[in-house]
Amino acid sequence: MLRKILFASSIIAISTGVAMAQPVPYIGAGIGITANTSNKGTAGSYRGMPVNVFAGYGGNIDQNFYLAGEVNGTLTNSTINNNGIVKSTYGYGVSVLPGVMLSDHTMAFARAGIVRTHFQKAHNKMITGGELGVGLQTSVTQNIDVRGEYDYVSYKKYSNQGVSVNPRSDQFNVSLVYKFQ
């Protein structure tokens, strides 16, 4: 999947007619808050404090546009609080991050990706979801950036103990990014 996303990113960069200027690999880690989410069709909320790690490769397509591919992993202890139906413990995913430079050191970006999350209760399940997000990233030093973002994930519907479960999550993250320049 990562190869497909990086390949698609390369096609987009080539199709613009401009090669990526100084793309660099990067790594990062952050912490988030997951809230205001329910099992679609039922009352309840999804709460947790995920810890995220990620690695990516990205750069400016031209002076104003940015493009990156990213892989990530998440450790969490979140529950959907409608009779304790499901609890998530970890996940991983891949994303494409297109962005627009607001200044020399700050960018606004979007995220589109696919995540797999481990849900448990009576039995363990890995559930796939689609992820969309928006955020801001700004340089603190030449190699270190701070990133703040909001991500929405809608997971595939499944049945658990005869109850239809369609988990969704709203997550707010703050991260540090180290760029290998």
C-alpha atoms as a PDB file:
ATOM      1  CA  MET A   1       0.000   0.000   0.000  1.00  0.00           C
ATOM      2  CA  LEU A   2       2.830   2.432   0.839  1.00  0.00           C
ATOM      3  CA  ARG A   3       4.340   1.761  -2.579  1.00  0.00           C
ATOM      4  CA  LYS A   4       1.023   2.632  -4.231  1.00  0.00           C
ATOM      5  CA  ILE A   5       0.748   5.913  -2.321  1.00  0.00           C
ATOM      6  CA  LEU A   6       4.353   6.881  -3.054  1.00  0.00           C
ATOM      7  CA  PHE A   7       3.856   5.900  -6.708  1.00  0.00           C
ATOM      8  CA  ALA A   8       0.679   8.022  -6.898  1.00  0.00           C
ATOM      9  CA  SER A   9       2.547  10.930  -5.278  1.00  0.00           C
ATOM     10  CA  SER A  10       5.300  10.608  -7.889  1.00  0.00           C
ATOM     11  CA  ILE A  11       2.757  10.588 -10.732  1.00  0.00           C
ATOM     12  CA  ILE A  12       1.132  13.748  -9.344  1.00  0.00           C
ATOM     13  CA  ALA A  13       4.516  15.453  -9.055  1.00  0.00           C
ATOM     14  CA  ILE A  14       5.500  14.454 -12.598  1.00  0.00           C
ATOM     15  CA  SER A  15       2.126  15.441 -14.038  1.00  0.00           C
ATOM     16  CA  THR A  16       2.512  18.986 -12.720  1.00  0.00           C
ATOM     17  CA  GLY A  17       5.565  19.346 -14.962  1.00  0.00           C
ATOM     18  CA  VAL A  18       7.753  20.349 -12.011  1.00  0.00           C
ATOM     19  CA  ALA A  19      10.090  18.020 -10.151  1.00  0.00           C
ATOM     20  CA  MET A  20       9.968  18.020  -6.363  1.00  0.00           C
ATOM     21  CA  ALA A  21      12.517  20.439  -4.939  1.00  0.00           C
ATOM     22  CA  GLN A  22      14.645  18.906  -2.201  1.00  0.00           C
ATOM     23  CA  PRO A  23      12.328  16.140  -0.926  1.00  0.00           C
ATOM     24  CA  VAL A  24      13.469  14.852   2.462  1.00  0.00           C
ATOM     25  CA  PRO A  25      12.640  11.919   4.713  1.00  0.00           C
ATOM     26  CA  TYR A  26      11.205  12.728   8.134  1.00  0.00           C
ATOM     27  CA  ILE A  27      10.066  11.028  11.341  1.00  0.00           C
ATOM     28  CA  GLY A  28       7.829  12.214  14.110  1.00  0.00           C
ATOM     29  CA  ALA A  29       5.845  11.450  17.229  1.00  0.00           C
ATOM     30  CA  GLY A  30       2.849  13.012  18.860  1.00  0.00           C
ATOM     31  CA  ILE A  31      -0.018  12.721  21.265  1.00  0.00           C
ATOM     32  CA  GLY A  32      -3.688  13.253  20.647  1.00  0.00           C
ATOM     33  CA  ILE A  33      -7.169  13.396  22.067  1.00  0.00           C
ATOM     34  CA  THR A  34      -9.985  11.368  20.578  1.00  0.00           C
ATOM     35  CA  ALA A  35     -13.459  12.661  21.371  1.00  0.00           C
ATOM     36  CA  ASN A  36     -16.965  13.408  20.080  1.00  0.00           C
ATOM     37  CA  THR A  37     -17.326  10.162  18.223  1.00  0.00           C
ATOM     38  CA  SER A  38     -20.052   7.624  18.320  1.00  0.00           C
ATOM     39  CA  ASN A  39     -20.971   4.242  17.016  1.00  0.00           C
ATOM     40  CA  LYS A  40     -23.187   5.400  14.123  1.00  0.00           C
ATOM     41  CA  GLY A  41     -26.822   4.973  14.994  1.00  0.00           C
ATOM     42  CA  THR A  42     -26.305   4.647  18.751  1.00  0.00           C
ATOM     43  CA  ALA A  43     -25.688   7.011  21.614  1.00  0.00           C
ATOM     44  CA  GLY A  44     -22.218   7.093  23.094  1.00  0.00           C
ATOM     45  CA  SER A  45     -18.803   8.616  22.759  1.00  0.00           C
ATOM     46  CA  TYR A  46     -15.348   7.430  21.773  1.00  0.00           C
ATOM     47  CA  ARG A  47     -12.633   8.680  24.107  1.00  0.00           C
ATOM     48  CA  GLY A  48      -8.924   8.118  24.349  1.00  0.00           C
ATOM     49  CA  MET A  49      -5.431   9.554  24.246  1.00  0.00           C
ATOM     50  CA  PRO A  50      -3.498   8.034  21.330  1.00  0.00           C
ATOM     51  CA  VAL A  51       0.278   8.174  20.952  1.00  0.00           C
ATOM     52  CA  ASN A  52       1.377   8.378  17.310  1.00  0.00           C
ATOM     53  CA  VAL A  53       4.659   7.689  15.513  1.00  0.00           C
ATOM     54  CA  PHE A  54       5.165   8.287  11.811  1.00  0.00           C
ATOM     55  CA  ALA A  55       7.709   8.412   9.009  1.00  0.00           C
ATOM     56  CA  GLY A  56       7.405  10.035   5.620  1.00  0.00           C
ATOM     57  CA  TYR A  57       9.052  11.484   2.580  1.00  0.00           C
ATOM     58  CA  GLY A  58       8.037  14.832   1.172  1.00  0.00           C
ATOM     59  CA  GLY A  59       8.984  18.131  -0.349  1.00  0.00           C
ATOM     60  CA  ASN A  60       7.808  21.143  -2.273  1.00  0.00           C
ATOM     61  CA  ILE A  61       6.485  20.496  -5.776  1.00  0.00           C
ATOM     62  CA  ASP A  62       7.061  24.170  -6.449  1.00  0.00           C
ATOM     63  CA  GLN A  63       7.427  27.241  -4.271  1.00  0.00           C
ATOM     64  CA  ASN A  64       3.852  27.060  -2.932  1.00  0.00           C
ATOM     65  CA  PHE A  65       2.800  23.401  -3.041  1.00  0.00           C
ATOM     66  CA  TYR A  66       3.983  20.466  -0.893  1.00  0.00           C
ATOM     67  CA  LEU A  67       3.425  16.704  -1.288  1.00  0.00           C
ATOM     68  CA  ALA A  68       4.361  13.819   1.045  1.00  0.00           C
ATOM     69  CA  GLY A  69       3.659  10.136   1.596  1.00  0.00           C
ATOM     70  CA  GLU A  70       3.522   8.917   5.201  1.00  0.00           C
ATOM     71  CA  VAL A  71       3.212   5.694   7.229  1.00  0.00           C
ATOM     72  CA  ASN A  72       2.065   5.788  10.844  1.00  0.00           C
ATOM     73  CA  GLY A  73       1.433   3.682  13.898  1.00  0.00           C
ATOM     74  CA  THR A  74      -0.819   4.439  16.865  1.00  0.00           C
ATOM     75  CA  LEU A  75      -1.036   3.065  20.397  1.00  0.00           C
ATOM     76  CA  THR A  76      -4.276   3.914  22.167  1.00  0.00           C
ATOM     77  CA  ASN A  77      -6.687   2.836  24.857  1.00  0.00           C
ATOM     78  CA  SER A  78      -9.950   4.219  23.460  1.00  0.00           C
ATOM     79  CA  THR A  79     -13.469   2.922  23.960  1.00  0.00           C
ATOM     80  CA  ILE A  80     -16.817   3.468  22.345  1.00  0.00           C
ATOM     81  CA  ASN A  81     -18.955   4.078  25.396  1.00  0.00           C
ATOM     82  CA  ASN A  82     -22.258   2.526  24.423  1.00  0.00           C
ATOM     83  CA  ASN A  83     -22.403  -0.426  26.825  1.00  0.00           C
ATOM     84  CA  GLY A  84     -18.646  -0.929  26.345  1.00  0.00           C
ATOM     85  CA  ILE A  85     -19.069  -2.577  22.950  1.00  0.00           C
ATOM     86  CA  VAL A  86     -15.598  -1.998  21.513  1.00  0.00           C
ATOM     87  CA  LYS A  87     -12.158  -0.836  22.577  1.00  0.00           C
ATOM     88  CA  SER A  88      -9.255   0.062  20.262  1.00  0.00           C
ATOM     89  CA  THR A  89      -5.674  -0.732  21.249  1.00  0.00           C
ATOM     90  CA  TYR A  90      -3.386  -0.052  18.263  1.00  0.00           C
ATOM     91  CA  GLY A  91      -3.420   0.742  14.574  1.00  0.00           C
ATOM     92  CA  TYR A  92      -1.361   1.609  11.531  1.00  0.00           C
ATOM     93  CA  GLY A  93      -1.915   3.386   8.255  1.00  0.00           C
ATOM     94  CA  VAL A  94      -0.663   5.123   5.144  1.00  0.00           C
ATOM     95  CA  SER A  95      -1.498   8.637   3.943  1.00  0.00           C
ATOM     96  CA  VAL A  96      -0.850  11.220   1.272  1.00  0.00           C
ATOM     97  CA  LEU A  97      -0.327  14.784   2.530  1.00  0.00           C
ATOM     98  CA  PRO A  98      -0.760  17.561  -0.036  1.00  0.00           C
ATOM     99  CA  GLY A  99      -0.056  21.020   1.337  1.00  0.00           C
ATOM    100  CA  VAL A 100       0.071  24.728   0.582  1.00  0.00           C
ATOM    101  CA  MET A 101       2.872  26.927   1.885  1.00  0.00           C
ATOM    102  CA  LEU A 102       1.450  29.894   3.838  1.00  0.00           C
ATOM    103  CA  SER A 103       4.915  31.353   4.427  1.00  0.00           C
ATOM    104  CA  ASP A 104       8.536  30.192   4.173  1.00  0.00           C
ATOM    105  CA  HIS A 105       8.151  28.185   7.395  1.00  0.00           C
ATOM    106  CA  THR A 106       4.427  27.356   7.719  1.00  0.00           C
ATOM    107  CA  MET A 107       2.176  25.116   5.686  1.00  0.00           C
ATOM    108  CA  ALA A 108      -1.474  24.083   5.729  1.00  0.00           C
ATOM    109  CA  PHE A 109      -2.023  20.489   4.654  1.00  0.00           C
ATOM    110  CA  ALA A 110      -4.695  17.874   4.094  1.00  0.00           C
ATOM    111  CA  ARG A 111      -4.471  14.151   4.820  1.00  0.00           C
ATOM    112  CA  ALA A 112      -6.102  11.309   2.900  1.00  0.00           C
ATOM    113  CA  GLY A 113      -5.337   7.770   3.937  1.00  0.00           C
ATOM    114  CA  ILE A 114      -6.291   4.271   4.962  1.00  0.00           C
ATOM    115  CA  VAL A 115      -5.938   2.973   8.529  1.00  0.00           C
ATOM    116  CA  ARG A 116      -6.241  -0.468  10.145  1.00  0.00           C
ATOM    117  CA  THR A 117      -7.182  -0.456  13.821  1.00  0.00           C
ATOM    118  CA  HIS A 118      -7.373  -3.336  16.298  1.00  0.00           C
ATOM    119  CA  PHE A 119     -10.739  -3.406  18.105  1.00  0.00           C
ATOM    120  CA  GLN A 120     -11.466  -5.831  20.927  1.00  0.00           C
ATOM    121  CA  LYS A 121     -14.238  -6.879  23.296  1.00  0.00           C
ATOM    122  CA  ALA A 122     -15.546 -10.403  22.985  1.00  0.00           C
ATOM    123  CA  HIS A 123     -13.149 -11.141  20.109  1.00  0.00           C
ATOM    124  CA  ASN A 124     -10.327  -9.320  18.361  1.00  0.00           C
ATOM    125  CA  LYS A 125     -10.851  -7.621  14.997  1.00  0.00           C
ATOM    126  CA  MET A 126      -8.675  -5.525  12.700  1.00  0.00           C
ATOM    127  CA  ILE A 127     -10.997  -3.009  11.029  1.00  0.00           C
ATOM    128  CA  THR A 128     -10.132  -0.845   8.010  1.00  0.00           C
ATOM    129  CA  GLY A 129     -11.128   2.806   7.857  1.00  0.00           C
ATOM    130  CA  GLY A 130     -10.784   5.807   5.610  1.00  0.00           C
ATOM    131  CA  GLU A 131      -8.991   8.820   7.079  1.00  0.00           C
ATOM    132  CA  LEU A 132      -9.348  12.512   6.160  1.00  0.00           C
ATOM    133  CA  GLY A 133      -7.671  15.373   7.970  1.00  0.00           C
ATOM    134  CA  VAL A 134      -6.407  18.942   7.930  1.00  0.00           C
ATOM    135  CA  GLY A 135      -3.569  20.606   9.793  1.00  0.00           C
ATOM    136  CA  LEU A 136      -0.829  23.190  10.104  1.00  0.00           C
ATOM    137  CA  GLN A 137       2.905  22.574  10.337  1.00  0.00           C
ATOM    138  CA  THR A 138       5.529  25.189  11.143  1.00  0.00           C
ATOM    139  CA  SER A 139       9.315  25.159  11.537  1.00  0.00           C
ATOM    140  CA  VAL A 140      10.827  25.632  14.993  1.00  0.00           C
ATOM    141  CA  THR A 141      14.406  25.078  13.783  1.00  0.00           C
ATOM    142  CA  GLN A 142      15.893  24.008  10.454  1.00  0.00           C
ATOM    143  CA  ASN A 143      15.209  20.332  11.199  1.00  0.00           C
ATOM    144  CA  ILE A 144      12.330  20.410  13.711  1.00  0.00           C
ATOM    145  CA  ASP A 145       8.697  21.273  12.980  1.00  0.00           C
ATOM    146  CA  VAL A 146       5.579  21.379  15.151  1.00  0.00           C
ATOM    147  CA  ARG A 147       2.399  19.949  13.655  1.00  0.00           C
ATOM    148  CA  GLY A 148      -1.196  20.294  14.788  1.00  0.00           C
ATOM    149  CA  GLU A 149      -3.970  18.434  13.015  1.00  0.00           C
ATOM    150  CA  TYR A 150      -7.517  17.151  13.075  1.00  0.00           C
ATOM    151  CA  ASP A 151      -8.293  13.712  11.595  1.00  0.00           C
ATOM    152  CA  TYR A 152     -11.620  11.987  10.993  1.00  0.00           C
ATOM    153  CA  VAL A 153     -11.734   8.207  10.517  1.00  0.00           C
ATOM    154  CA  SER A 154     -14.778   6.225   9.418  1.00  0.00           C
ATOM    155  CA  TYR A 155     -14.356   2.471   9.879  1.00  0.00           C
ATOM    156  CA  LYS A 156     -15.994  -0.377   8.027  1.00  0.00           C
ATOM    157  CA  LYS A 157     -19.225  -1.591   9.665  1.00  0.00           C
ATOM    158  CA  TYR A 158     -19.116  -4.963  11.435  1.00  0.00           C
ATOM    159  CA  SER A 159     -21.158  -7.069  13.854  1.00  0.00           C
ATOM    160  CA  ASN A 160     -20.042  -7.790  17.440  1.00  0.00           C
ATOM    161  CA  GLN A 161     -22.161 -10.113  19.587  1.00  0.00           C
ATOM    162  CA  GLY A 162     -25.189  -9.454  17.383  1.00  0.00           C
ATOM    163  CA  VAL A 163     -24.802  -5.677  17.625  1.00  0.00           C
ATOM    164  CA  SER A 164     -24.017  -3.692  14.479  1.00  0.00           C
ATOM    165  CA  VAL A 165     -20.920  -1.547  15.083  1.00  0.00           C
ATOM    166  CA  ASN A 166     -19.851   1.291  12.769  1.00  0.00           C
ATOM    167  CA  PRO A 167     -17.046   3.122  14.634  1.00  0.00           C
ATOM    168  CA  ARG A 168     -15.943   6.640  13.705  1.00  0.00           C
ATOM    169  CA  SER A 169     -13.405   8.873  15.394  1.00  0.00           C
ATOM    170  CA  ASP A 170     -12.485  12.540  15.608  1.00  0.00           C
ATOM    171  CA  GLN A 171      -8.881  12.955  16.675  1.00  0.00           C
ATOM    172  CA  PHE A 172      -6.824  16.060  17.472  1.00  0.00           C
ATOM    173  CA  ASN A 173      -3.014  15.590  17.434  1.00  0.00           C
ATOM    174  CA  VAL A 174       0.050  17.649  18.303  1.00  0.00           C
ATOM    175  CA  SER A 175       3.368  16.287  16.989  1.00  0.00           C
ATOM    176  CA  LEU A 176       7.052  17.029  16.633  1.00  0.00           C
ATOM    177  CA  VAL A 177       8.577  16.318  13.218  1.00  0.00           C
ATOM    178  CA  TYR A 178      12.300  15.759  12.612  1.00  0.00           C
ATOM    179  CA  LYS A 179      13.387  16.345   8.986  1.00  0.00           C
ATOM    180  CA  PHE A 180      16.624  14.717   7.766  1.00  0.00           C
ATOM    181  CA  GLN A 181      18.117  17.645   5.811  1.00  0.00           C
END
